[in-house]
């Protein structure tokens, strides 16, 4: 059975938290809550393996270990292993707030998407876009969600996912990167999306 938009929204909400918010004991307890991962919509034959990586990591890795992995991948200090902003990949100089960031800002204004950010930052962050998808799908706005995916995420998301799969030191982030990749592939096929063709520089 094809998952509902509510189910897609739920997993986008989980993935938003995983890739945007640094792990803390409360967030990790929510992810480990009985039944949450087991209810992940069945969209890929390999997802059980990805989910198992997350479950084992939650059992074996401390919050500090997961937080260090998060910082090494997405925050720094210094260089990051998996830059989470789209313009790093789509801008010729790999600069933040490039043309694709401004295009996403226009899309958000047109769609009335409200972002509550803890500080000023580029909005083309992988985790923030997953949060936008969560909003649109909760509101049953599938055409807008499809545009967000095809124009503002799918053109570069694989680069981030590949970097996480290569550099993550925990099964928590490797497993969730696989689950994200499976979700994006599923939505691309199920919604028959044609991602915008953009040159990538990283």
N, C-alpha and C. Protein backbone atom coordinates (compact mmCIF):
# COMPACT_ATOMS: atom_id res chain seq x y z
N UNK A 1 0.84 -1.19 0.00
CA UNK A 1 0.00 0.00 0.00
C UNK A 1 0.88 1.25 0.00
N UNK A 2 0.53 2.22 -0.85
CA UNK A 2 1.29 3.47 -0.91
C UNK A 2 1.06 4.29 0.35
N UNK A 3 2.12 4.80 0.97
CA UNK A 3 1.94 5.61 2.18
C UNK A 3 1.11 6.86 1.89
N UNK A 4 0.48 7.38 2.93
CA UNK A 4 -0.31 8.60 2.81
C UNK A 4 0.60 9.82 2.97
N UNK A 5 0.07 10.99 2.60
CA UNK A 5 0.83 12.22 2.80
C UNK A 5 1.13 12.44 4.28
N UNK A 6 0.22 12.01 5.15
CA UNK A 6 0.47 12.14 6.59
C UNK A 6 1.68 11.31 7.01
N UNK A 7 1.82 10.11 6.43
CA UNK A 7 2.97 9.27 6.76
C UNK A 7 4.26 9.89 6.21
N UNK A 8 4.20 10.41 4.98
CA UNK A 8 5.38 11.10 4.45
C UNK A 8 5.74 12.29 5.34
N UNK A 9 4.72 13.05 5.77
CA UNK A 9 4.97 14.21 6.62
C UNK A 9 5.65 13.79 7.92
N UNK A 10 5.20 12.68 8.50
CA UNK A 10 5.76 12.23 9.77
C UNK A 10 7.24 11.89 9.64
N UNK A 11 7.61 11.17 8.58
CA UNK A 11 9.02 10.81 8.44
C UNK A 11 9.86 12.03 8.07
N UNK A 12 9.29 12.98 7.32
CA UNK A 12 10.02 14.22 7.05
C UNK A 12 10.27 14.99 8.34
N UNK A 13 9.30 14.95 9.26
CA UNK A 13 9.50 15.61 10.55
C UNK A 13 10.62 14.96 11.35
N UNK A 14 10.67 13.64 11.34
CA UNK A 14 11.76 12.94 12.04
C UNK A 14 13.10 13.28 11.40
N UNK A 15 13.16 13.21 10.07
CA UNK A 15 14.41 13.49 9.37
C UNK A 15 14.84 14.95 9.54
N UNK A 16 13.88 15.86 9.60
CA UNK A 16 14.20 17.27 9.89
C UNK A 16 14.96 17.37 11.21
N UNK A 17 14.45 16.72 12.24
CA UNK A 17 15.11 16.79 13.55
C UNK A 17 16.49 16.15 13.52
N UNK A 18 16.61 15.02 12.82
CA UNK A 18 17.89 14.31 12.77
C UNK A 18 18.97 15.15 12.11
N UNK A 19 18.63 15.79 10.99
CA UNK A 19 19.65 16.48 10.21
C UNK A 19 19.79 17.96 10.55
N UNK A 20 18.87 18.50 11.35
CA UNK A 20 18.95 19.92 11.68
C UNK A 20 19.32 20.18 13.14
N UNK A 21 18.85 19.36 14.03
CA UNK A 21 19.05 19.62 15.46
C UNK A 21 20.14 18.70 16.02
N UNK A 22 21.05 19.29 16.78
CA UNK A 22 22.10 18.45 17.37
C UNK A 22 21.44 17.45 18.33
N UNK A 23 21.93 16.22 18.34
CA UNK A 23 21.31 15.19 19.19
C UNK A 23 21.42 15.55 20.67
N UNK A 24 20.32 15.42 21.38
CA UNK A 24 20.34 15.55 22.84
C UNK A 24 19.53 14.40 23.41
N UNK A 25 19.63 14.15 24.71
CA UNK A 25 18.95 12.98 25.28
C UNK A 25 17.45 12.95 25.01
N UNK A 26 16.79 14.11 25.03
CA UNK A 26 15.34 14.13 24.79
C UNK A 26 15.01 13.72 23.36
N UNK A 27 15.72 14.30 22.40
CA UNK A 27 15.48 13.95 21.00
C UNK A 27 15.76 12.47 20.76
N UNK A 28 16.86 11.97 21.31
CA UNK A 28 17.21 10.57 21.10
C UNK A 28 16.19 9.64 21.75
N UNK A 29 15.65 10.04 22.89
CA UNK A 29 14.60 9.24 23.53
C UNK A 29 13.35 9.19 22.67
N UNK A 30 13.04 10.30 22.00
CA UNK A 30 11.87 10.31 21.11
C UNK A 30 12.08 9.37 19.93
N UNK A 31 13.28 9.39 19.36
CA UNK A 31 13.56 8.49 18.23
C UNK A 31 13.52 7.04 18.67
N UNK A 32 14.00 6.78 19.89
CA UNK A 32 14.04 5.40 20.40
C UNK A 32 12.71 4.94 20.98
N UNK A 33 11.71 5.80 20.99
CA UNK A 33 10.41 5.44 21.59
C UNK A 33 9.86 4.19 20.90
N UNK A 34 9.40 3.21 21.67
CA UNK A 34 8.92 1.96 21.07
C UNK A 34 7.86 2.21 20.00
N UNK A 35 8.08 1.61 18.85
CA UNK A 35 7.11 1.69 17.77
C UNK A 35 7.38 2.77 16.75
N UNK A 36 8.19 3.78 17.10
CA UNK A 36 8.39 4.89 16.16
C UNK A 36 9.09 4.42 14.89
N UNK A 37 10.26 3.84 15.04
CA UNK A 37 11.00 3.39 13.86
C UNK A 37 10.33 2.18 13.21
N UNK A 38 9.69 1.35 14.03
CA UNK A 38 9.01 0.16 13.48
C UNK A 38 7.83 0.54 12.60
N UNK A 39 7.29 1.75 12.78
CA UNK A 39 6.14 2.18 11.98
C UNK A 39 6.55 2.96 10.74
N UNK A 40 7.85 3.00 10.46
CA UNK A 40 8.33 3.71 9.26
C UNK A 40 7.64 3.14 8.03
N UNK A 41 7.07 3.98 7.17
CA UNK A 41 6.34 3.44 6.01
C UNK A 41 7.24 2.61 5.11
N UNK A 42 6.72 1.52 4.63
CA UNK A 42 7.50 0.58 3.82
C UNK A 42 7.59 1.09 2.39
N UNK A 43 8.75 1.63 2.05
CA UNK A 43 8.92 2.21 0.72
C UNK A 43 10.14 1.65 -0.01
N UNK A 44 10.95 0.83 0.65
CA UNK A 44 12.17 0.33 0.02
C UNK A 44 12.53 -1.02 0.62
N UNK A 45 12.93 -1.99 -0.21
CA UNK A 45 13.27 -3.31 0.33
C UNK A 45 14.49 -3.31 1.25
N UNK A 46 15.32 -2.26 1.17
CA UNK A 46 16.53 -2.20 2.00
C UNK A 46 16.33 -1.41 3.29
N UNK A 47 15.10 -0.94 3.54
CA UNK A 47 14.96 -0.03 4.68
C UNK A 47 15.12 -0.72 6.02
N UNK A 48 14.83 -2.01 6.10
CA UNK A 48 14.99 -2.72 7.38
C UNK A 48 16.45 -2.67 7.83
N UNK A 49 17.37 -2.80 6.89
CA UNK A 49 18.80 -2.73 7.22
C UNK A 49 19.16 -1.34 7.74
N UNK A 50 18.63 -0.30 7.09
CA UNK A 50 18.92 1.07 7.53
C UNK A 50 18.34 1.33 8.92
N UNK A 51 17.11 0.89 9.13
CA UNK A 51 16.49 1.07 10.45
C UNK A 51 17.27 0.33 11.53
N UNK A 52 17.76 -0.85 11.20
CA UNK A 52 18.52 -1.62 12.19
C UNK A 52 19.81 -0.91 12.57
N UNK A 53 20.45 -0.25 11.60
CA UNK A 53 21.65 0.53 11.92
C UNK A 53 21.34 1.61 12.96
N UNK A 54 20.21 2.29 12.76
CA UNK A 54 19.83 3.35 13.69
C UNK A 54 19.55 2.76 15.07
N UNK A 55 18.80 1.66 15.12
CA UNK A 55 18.42 1.04 16.39
C UNK A 55 19.66 0.59 17.16
N UNK A 56 20.58 -0.09 16.48
CA UNK A 56 21.80 -0.57 17.14
C UNK A 56 22.63 0.61 17.65
N UNK A 57 22.73 1.67 16.83
CA UNK A 57 23.50 2.83 17.25
C UNK A 57 22.89 3.50 18.48
N UNK A 58 21.56 3.58 18.53
CA UNK A 58 20.90 4.16 19.70
C UNK A 58 21.21 3.34 20.96
N UNK A 59 21.39 2.04 20.79
CA UNK A 59 21.68 1.17 21.93
C UNK A 59 23.15 1.25 22.35
N UNK A 60 24.04 1.48 21.39
CA UNK A 60 25.47 1.36 21.66
C UNK A 60 26.21 2.68 21.80
N UNK A 61 25.74 3.72 21.11
CA UNK A 61 26.46 5.00 21.09
C UNK A 61 25.88 5.96 22.12
N UNK A 62 26.74 6.67 22.82
CA UNK A 62 26.30 7.64 23.81
C UNK A 62 25.83 8.91 23.10
N UNK A 63 25.01 9.73 23.79
CA UNK A 63 24.64 11.03 23.21
C UNK A 63 25.86 11.87 22.82
N UNK A 64 26.92 11.81 23.61
CA UNK A 64 28.12 12.58 23.27
C UNK A 64 28.75 12.09 21.97
N UNK A 65 28.77 10.78 21.77
CA UNK A 65 29.31 10.22 20.54
C UNK A 65 28.49 10.68 19.34
N UNK A 66 27.17 10.63 19.46
CA UNK A 66 26.31 11.06 18.36
C UNK A 66 26.44 12.56 18.12
N UNK A 67 26.59 13.33 19.17
CA UNK A 67 26.75 14.79 19.01
C UNK A 67 28.07 15.10 18.31
N UNK A 68 29.13 14.40 18.66
CA UNK A 68 30.42 14.63 17.98
C UNK A 68 30.30 14.29 16.50
N UNK A 69 29.60 13.23 16.19
CA UNK A 69 29.41 12.86 14.78
C UNK A 69 28.62 13.95 14.06
N UNK A 70 27.57 14.45 14.67
CA UNK A 70 26.75 15.52 14.09
C UNK A 70 27.62 16.74 13.79
N UNK A 71 28.43 17.15 14.76
CA UNK A 71 29.27 18.33 14.57
C UNK A 71 30.30 18.10 13.47
N UNK A 72 30.91 16.93 13.44
CA UNK A 72 31.91 16.66 12.40
C UNK A 72 31.28 16.68 11.01
N UNK A 73 30.06 16.20 10.91
CA UNK A 73 29.39 16.15 9.61
C UNK A 73 28.87 17.52 9.17
N UNK A 74 28.17 18.23 10.05
CA UNK A 74 27.33 19.35 9.62
C UNK A 74 27.69 20.72 10.21
N UNK A 75 28.56 20.78 11.21
CA UNK A 75 28.74 22.05 11.92
C UNK A 75 30.18 22.52 11.92
N UNK A 76 31.12 21.67 12.17
CA UNK A 76 32.49 22.09 12.37
C UNK A 76 32.85 22.00 13.86
N UNK A 77 33.88 22.69 14.35
CA UNK A 77 34.57 23.82 13.72
C UNK A 77 35.43 23.43 12.52
N UNK A 78 35.73 24.44 11.72
CA UNK A 78 36.51 24.19 10.52
C UNK A 78 35.65 23.59 9.44
N UNK A 79 36.27 22.80 8.59
CA UNK A 79 35.54 22.18 7.50
C UNK A 79 34.57 21.13 8.00
N UNK A 80 33.52 20.93 7.24
CA UNK A 80 32.51 19.92 7.57
C UNK A 80 32.64 18.78 6.56
N UNK A 81 32.30 17.59 7.00
CA UNK A 81 32.35 16.45 6.09
C UNK A 81 31.16 16.44 5.14
N UNK A 82 30.02 16.97 5.57
CA UNK A 82 28.79 16.92 4.75
C UNK A 82 28.07 18.26 4.86
N UNK A 83 28.49 19.21 4.04
CA UNK A 83 27.87 20.55 4.10
C UNK A 83 26.38 20.42 3.82
N UNK A 84 25.52 20.93 4.70
CA UNK A 84 24.08 20.69 4.55
C UNK A 84 23.33 21.74 3.74
N UNK A 85 24.04 22.75 3.18
CA UNK A 85 23.36 23.82 2.45
C UNK A 85 23.48 23.61 0.94
N UNK A 86 22.38 23.78 0.25
CA UNK A 86 22.36 23.52 -1.18
C UNK A 86 23.31 24.39 -1.97
N UNK A 87 23.45 25.67 -1.60
CA UNK A 87 24.26 26.57 -2.41
C UNK A 87 25.74 26.21 -2.38
N UNK A 88 26.18 25.46 -1.37
CA UNK A 88 27.56 24.99 -1.36
C UNK A 88 27.83 24.12 -2.59
N UNK A 89 26.81 23.44 -3.07
CA UNK A 89 26.95 22.55 -4.22
C UNK A 89 26.59 23.24 -5.53
N UNK A 90 25.66 24.20 -5.49
CA UNK A 90 25.16 24.80 -6.73
C UNK A 90 25.86 26.10 -7.09
N UNK A 91 26.59 26.71 -6.16
CA UNK A 91 27.31 27.96 -6.43
C UNK A 91 28.71 27.64 -6.93
N UNK A 92 29.12 28.34 -7.98
CA UNK A 92 30.43 28.06 -8.59
C UNK A 92 31.57 28.19 -7.58
N UNK A 93 31.42 29.12 -6.64
CA UNK A 93 32.45 29.33 -5.62
C UNK A 93 32.13 28.60 -4.32
N UNK A 94 31.08 27.78 -4.32
CA UNK A 94 30.64 27.04 -3.13
C UNK A 94 30.34 27.97 -1.97
N UNK A 95 29.74 29.13 -2.28
CA UNK A 95 29.41 30.11 -1.26
C UNK A 95 28.01 29.89 -0.73
N UNK A 96 27.80 30.31 0.51
CA UNK A 96 26.46 30.29 1.08
C UNK A 96 25.63 31.43 0.51
N UNK A 97 24.31 31.27 0.55
CA UNK A 97 23.37 32.31 0.10
C UNK A 97 23.57 32.64 -1.37
N UNK A 98 23.71 31.62 -2.19
CA UNK A 98 23.83 31.81 -3.63
C UNK A 98 22.47 31.97 -4.29
N UNK A 99 22.47 31.90 -5.62
CA UNK A 99 21.23 32.10 -6.38
C UNK A 99 20.15 31.09 -5.99
N UNK A 100 20.54 29.85 -5.74
CA UNK A 100 19.52 28.84 -5.41
C UNK A 100 18.93 29.09 -4.03
N UNK A 101 19.70 29.69 -3.13
CA UNK A 101 19.15 30.07 -1.82
C UNK A 101 18.08 31.14 -1.99
N UNK A 102 18.36 32.13 -2.84
CA UNK A 102 17.38 33.20 -3.07
C UNK A 102 16.14 32.65 -3.77
N UNK A 103 16.32 31.70 -4.67
CA UNK A 103 15.16 31.09 -5.33
C UNK A 103 14.28 30.36 -4.31
N UNK A 104 14.91 29.68 -3.36
CA UNK A 104 14.13 29.01 -2.31
C UNK A 104 13.42 30.02 -1.43
N UNK A 105 14.06 31.14 -1.14
CA UNK A 105 13.41 32.19 -0.33
C UNK A 105 12.16 32.70 -1.03
N UNK A 106 12.24 32.90 -2.34
CA UNK A 106 11.06 33.35 -3.10
C UNK A 106 9.96 32.31 -3.03
N UNK A 107 10.33 31.04 -3.17
CA UNK A 107 9.34 29.97 -3.09
C UNK A 107 8.65 29.98 -1.73
N UNK A 108 9.42 30.13 -0.67
CA UNK A 108 8.83 30.14 0.68
C UNK A 108 7.85 31.30 0.84
N UNK A 109 8.21 32.48 0.32
CA UNK A 109 7.29 33.62 0.41
C UNK A 109 6.01 33.35 -0.38
N UNK A 110 6.16 32.80 -1.58
CA UNK A 110 4.99 32.52 -2.41
C UNK A 110 4.06 31.51 -1.74
N UNK A 111 4.63 30.55 -1.04
CA UNK A 111 3.84 29.48 -0.43
C UNK A 111 3.42 29.80 1.00
N UNK A 112 3.88 30.93 1.53
CA UNK A 112 3.53 31.28 2.90
C UNK A 112 4.14 30.36 3.94
N UNK A 113 5.32 29.82 3.63
CA UNK A 113 5.99 28.92 4.57
C UNK A 113 6.66 29.74 5.67
N UNK A 114 6.36 29.41 6.89
CA UNK A 114 6.91 30.12 8.04
C UNK A 114 8.02 29.28 8.67
N UNK A 115 9.19 29.89 8.81
CA UNK A 115 10.33 29.20 9.40
C UNK A 115 10.71 29.91 10.69
N UNK A 116 10.71 29.16 11.78
CA UNK A 116 11.15 29.71 13.06
C UNK A 116 12.59 29.28 13.29
N UNK A 117 13.51 30.18 12.97
CA UNK A 117 14.92 29.85 13.04
C UNK A 117 15.52 30.37 14.34
N UNK A 118 16.39 29.58 14.97
CA UNK A 118 17.02 30.03 16.22
C UNK A 118 18.02 31.16 16.00
N UNK A 119 18.50 31.33 14.76
CA UNK A 119 19.44 32.39 14.43
C UNK A 119 19.42 32.59 12.92
N UNK A 120 20.00 33.68 12.46
CA UNK A 120 20.05 33.94 11.02
C UNK A 120 20.95 32.90 10.35
N UNK A 121 20.44 32.31 9.30
CA UNK A 121 21.21 31.31 8.58
C UNK A 121 20.58 31.10 7.21
N UNK A 122 21.34 30.56 6.26
CA UNK A 122 20.76 30.25 4.95
C UNK A 122 19.63 29.22 5.11
N UNK A 123 18.55 29.42 4.37
CA UNK A 123 17.40 28.53 4.56
C UNK A 123 17.48 27.27 3.71
N UNK A 124 18.51 27.16 2.85
CA UNK A 124 18.60 25.96 2.01
C UNK A 124 19.37 24.84 2.71
N UNK A 125 19.18 24.74 4.01
CA UNK A 125 19.76 23.66 4.82
C UNK A 125 18.91 22.40 4.61
N UNK A 126 19.57 21.28 4.43
CA UNK A 126 18.86 20.02 4.22
C UNK A 126 17.77 19.80 5.26
N UNK A 127 18.10 19.99 6.52
CA UNK A 127 17.12 19.76 7.58
C UNK A 127 15.95 20.72 7.53
N UNK A 128 16.22 21.99 7.18
CA UNK A 128 15.13 22.96 7.08
C UNK A 128 14.19 22.62 5.93
N UNK A 129 14.74 22.20 4.80
CA UNK A 129 13.89 21.84 3.67
C UNK A 129 13.02 20.64 4.01
N UNK A 130 13.55 19.70 4.77
CA UNK A 130 12.72 18.57 5.22
C UNK A 130 11.61 19.07 6.14
N UNK A 131 11.90 20.09 6.94
CA UNK A 131 10.85 20.70 7.76
C UNK A 131 9.78 21.37 6.91
N UNK A 132 10.20 22.02 5.81
CA UNK A 132 9.22 22.61 4.89
C UNK A 132 8.34 21.54 4.26
N UNK A 133 8.96 20.44 3.87
CA UNK A 133 8.18 19.32 3.31
C UNK A 133 7.16 18.82 4.32
N UNK A 134 7.58 18.72 5.57
CA UNK A 134 6.66 18.30 6.62
C UNK A 134 5.45 19.23 6.68
N UNK A 135 5.68 20.54 6.65
CA UNK A 135 4.58 21.50 6.68
C UNK A 135 3.63 21.31 5.50
N UNK A 136 4.18 21.26 4.30
CA UNK A 136 3.35 21.19 3.10
C UNK A 136 2.55 19.89 3.06
N UNK A 137 3.15 18.79 3.45
CA UNK A 137 2.45 17.51 3.41
C UNK A 137 1.38 17.43 4.50
N UNK A 138 1.65 18.02 5.66
CA UNK A 138 0.61 18.07 6.69
C UNK A 138 -0.61 18.84 6.20
N UNK A 139 -0.36 19.85 5.36
CA UNK A 139 -1.44 20.67 4.82
C UNK A 139 -2.02 20.11 3.53
N UNK A 140 -1.58 18.91 3.14
CA UNK A 140 -2.06 18.25 1.92
C UNK A 140 -1.78 19.08 0.67
N UNK A 141 -0.64 19.76 0.67
CA UNK A 141 -0.26 20.60 -0.48
C UNK A 141 0.80 19.87 -1.30
N UNK A 142 0.39 18.76 -1.89
CA UNK A 142 1.34 17.91 -2.60
C UNK A 142 1.98 18.61 -3.80
N UNK A 143 1.25 19.39 -4.62
CA UNK A 143 1.93 20.06 -5.74
C UNK A 143 3.07 20.97 -5.28
N UNK A 144 2.85 21.71 -4.19
CA UNK A 144 3.92 22.58 -3.68
C UNK A 144 5.08 21.74 -3.14
N UNK A 145 4.76 20.62 -2.48
CA UNK A 145 5.81 19.73 -1.98
C UNK A 145 6.62 19.16 -3.13
N UNK A 146 5.94 18.82 -4.23
CA UNK A 146 6.64 18.29 -5.40
C UNK A 146 7.58 19.33 -6.00
N UNK A 147 7.14 20.59 -6.06
CA UNK A 147 8.00 21.65 -6.56
C UNK A 147 9.19 21.87 -5.64
N UNK A 148 8.96 21.86 -4.35
CA UNK A 148 10.05 22.01 -3.39
C UNK A 148 11.10 20.93 -3.60
N UNK A 149 10.65 19.71 -3.79
CA UNK A 149 11.58 18.61 -4.01
C UNK A 149 12.32 18.76 -5.33
N UNK A 150 11.58 18.93 -6.41
CA UNK A 150 12.20 18.87 -7.74
C UNK A 150 13.08 20.08 -8.04
N UNK A 151 12.75 21.25 -7.48
CA UNK A 151 13.51 22.46 -7.77
C UNK A 151 14.56 22.78 -6.70
N UNK A 152 14.30 22.42 -5.46
CA UNK A 152 15.11 22.96 -4.38
C UNK A 152 15.83 21.92 -3.52
N UNK A 153 15.58 20.64 -3.72
CA UNK A 153 16.27 19.62 -2.91
C UNK A 153 16.90 18.52 -3.76
N UNK A 154 16.12 17.91 -4.63
CA UNK A 154 16.64 16.78 -5.40
C UNK A 154 17.86 17.13 -6.25
N UNK A 155 18.00 18.36 -6.78
CA UNK A 155 19.18 18.62 -7.61
C UNK A 155 20.51 18.40 -6.90
N UNK A 156 20.55 18.51 -5.57
CA UNK A 156 21.84 18.40 -4.87
C UNK A 156 21.85 17.46 -3.68
N UNK A 157 20.70 16.94 -3.27
CA UNK A 157 20.62 16.17 -2.03
C UNK A 157 21.54 14.95 -2.03
N UNK A 158 21.71 14.31 -3.18
CA UNK A 158 22.55 13.10 -3.21
C UNK A 158 23.98 13.40 -2.78
N UNK A 159 24.47 14.61 -3.05
CA UNK A 159 25.85 14.95 -2.66
C UNK A 159 26.00 14.94 -1.14
N UNK A 160 25.00 15.48 -0.44
CA UNK A 160 25.06 15.48 1.02
C UNK A 160 24.95 14.06 1.55
N UNK A 161 24.00 13.32 1.00
CA UNK A 161 23.77 11.95 1.47
C UNK A 161 25.03 11.10 1.27
N UNK A 162 25.65 11.22 0.10
CA UNK A 162 26.88 10.46 -0.16
C UNK A 162 27.97 10.82 0.84
N UNK A 163 28.07 12.11 1.17
CA UNK A 163 29.09 12.54 2.13
C UNK A 163 28.82 11.97 3.51
N UNK A 164 27.55 11.94 3.92
CA UNK A 164 27.21 11.36 5.22
C UNK A 164 27.54 9.88 5.23
N UNK A 165 27.16 9.18 4.18
CA UNK A 165 27.42 7.73 4.13
C UNK A 165 28.91 7.44 4.15
N UNK A 166 29.71 8.32 3.58
CA UNK A 166 31.15 8.12 3.54
C UNK A 166 31.82 8.45 4.87
N UNK A 167 31.37 9.52 5.52
CA UNK A 167 32.13 10.07 6.65
C UNK A 167 31.49 9.85 8.02
N UNK A 168 30.23 9.47 8.09
CA UNK A 168 29.61 9.29 9.41
C UNK A 168 30.33 8.20 10.19
N UNK A 169 30.52 8.43 11.46
CA UNK A 169 31.19 7.44 12.31
C UNK A 169 30.19 6.60 13.09
N UNK A 170 28.90 6.91 12.99
CA UNK A 170 27.88 6.15 13.72
C UNK A 170 26.82 5.61 12.77
N UNK A 171 26.26 4.48 13.14
CA UNK A 171 25.16 3.92 12.37
C UNK A 171 23.91 4.77 12.42
N UNK A 172 23.81 5.63 13.43
CA UNK A 172 22.65 6.52 13.55
C UNK A 172 22.55 7.41 12.31
N UNK A 173 23.63 8.08 11.97
CA UNK A 173 23.57 8.99 10.83
C UNK A 173 23.69 8.25 9.50
N UNK A 174 24.44 7.15 9.45
CA UNK A 174 24.46 6.36 8.22
C UNK A 174 23.08 5.80 7.92
N UNK A 175 22.43 5.25 8.95
CA UNK A 175 21.11 4.67 8.74
C UNK A 175 20.09 5.70 8.32
N UNK A 176 20.09 6.87 8.97
CA UNK A 176 19.12 7.90 8.59
C UNK A 176 19.43 8.48 7.21
N UNK A 177 20.70 8.54 6.83
CA UNK A 177 21.03 8.99 5.47
C UNK A 177 20.47 8.01 4.44
N UNK A 178 20.56 6.72 4.73
CA UNK A 178 19.97 5.73 3.82
C UNK A 178 18.46 5.87 3.76
N UNK A 179 17.83 6.09 4.90
CA UNK A 179 16.37 6.25 4.93
C UNK A 179 15.95 7.50 4.15
N UNK A 180 16.72 8.57 4.26
CA UNK A 180 16.42 9.78 3.49
C UNK A 180 16.57 9.51 2.00
N UNK A 181 17.64 8.84 1.62
CA UNK A 181 17.86 8.53 0.21
C UNK A 181 16.72 7.67 -0.33
N UNK A 182 16.28 6.71 0.45
CA UNK A 182 15.17 5.85 0.02
C UNK A 182 13.88 6.65 -0.12
N UNK A 183 13.63 7.56 0.81
CA UNK A 183 12.42 8.38 0.74
C UNK A 183 12.44 9.26 -0.51
N UNK A 184 13.56 9.93 -0.76
CA UNK A 184 13.63 10.82 -1.92
C UNK A 184 13.49 10.03 -3.23
N UNK A 185 14.13 8.88 -3.32
CA UNK A 185 13.99 8.05 -4.52
C UNK A 185 12.55 7.61 -4.71
N UNK A 186 11.90 7.23 -3.62
CA UNK A 186 10.51 6.79 -3.69
C UNK A 186 9.60 7.92 -4.16
N UNK A 187 9.74 9.11 -3.56
CA UNK A 187 8.88 10.23 -3.94
C UNK A 187 9.15 10.66 -5.38
N UNK A 188 10.40 10.63 -5.78
CA UNK A 188 10.73 10.98 -7.16
C UNK A 188 10.02 10.06 -8.14
N UNK A 189 10.02 8.77 -7.86
CA UNK A 189 9.37 7.82 -8.75
C UNK A 189 7.85 7.86 -8.62
N UNK A 190 7.36 7.88 -7.38
CA UNK A 190 5.92 7.81 -7.15
C UNK A 190 5.20 9.06 -7.66
N UNK A 191 5.83 10.22 -7.50
CA UNK A 191 5.23 11.47 -7.97
C UNK A 191 5.69 11.85 -9.37
N UNK A 192 6.53 11.00 -9.97
CA UNK A 192 7.03 11.22 -11.33
C UNK A 192 7.68 12.60 -11.46
N UNK A 193 8.62 12.87 -10.58
CA UNK A 193 9.28 14.17 -10.54
C UNK A 193 10.44 14.22 -11.53
N UNK A 194 10.64 15.39 -12.11
CA UNK A 194 11.79 15.65 -12.96
C UNK A 194 12.63 16.73 -12.28
N UNK A 195 13.68 16.34 -11.56
CA UNK A 195 14.48 17.34 -10.85
C UNK A 195 15.08 18.37 -11.80
N UNK A 196 15.13 19.60 -11.34
CA UNK A 196 15.77 20.67 -12.08
C UNK A 196 17.23 20.30 -12.33
N UNK A 197 17.69 20.52 -13.55
CA UNK A 197 19.07 20.20 -13.90
C UNK A 197 19.95 21.40 -13.57
N UNK A 198 20.81 21.23 -12.59
CA UNK A 198 21.71 22.31 -12.16
C UNK A 198 23.15 21.80 -12.18
N UNK A 199 24.10 22.63 -12.62
CA UNK A 199 25.50 22.23 -12.48
C UNK A 199 25.89 22.20 -11.01
N UNK A 200 26.63 21.19 -10.62
CA UNK A 200 27.08 21.06 -9.23
C UNK A 200 28.60 21.19 -9.20
N UNK A 201 29.09 21.90 -8.21
CA UNK A 201 30.51 22.25 -8.16
C UNK A 201 31.22 21.62 -6.98
N UNK A 202 30.53 20.79 -6.23
CA UNK A 202 31.17 20.14 -5.08
C UNK A 202 30.67 18.71 -4.97
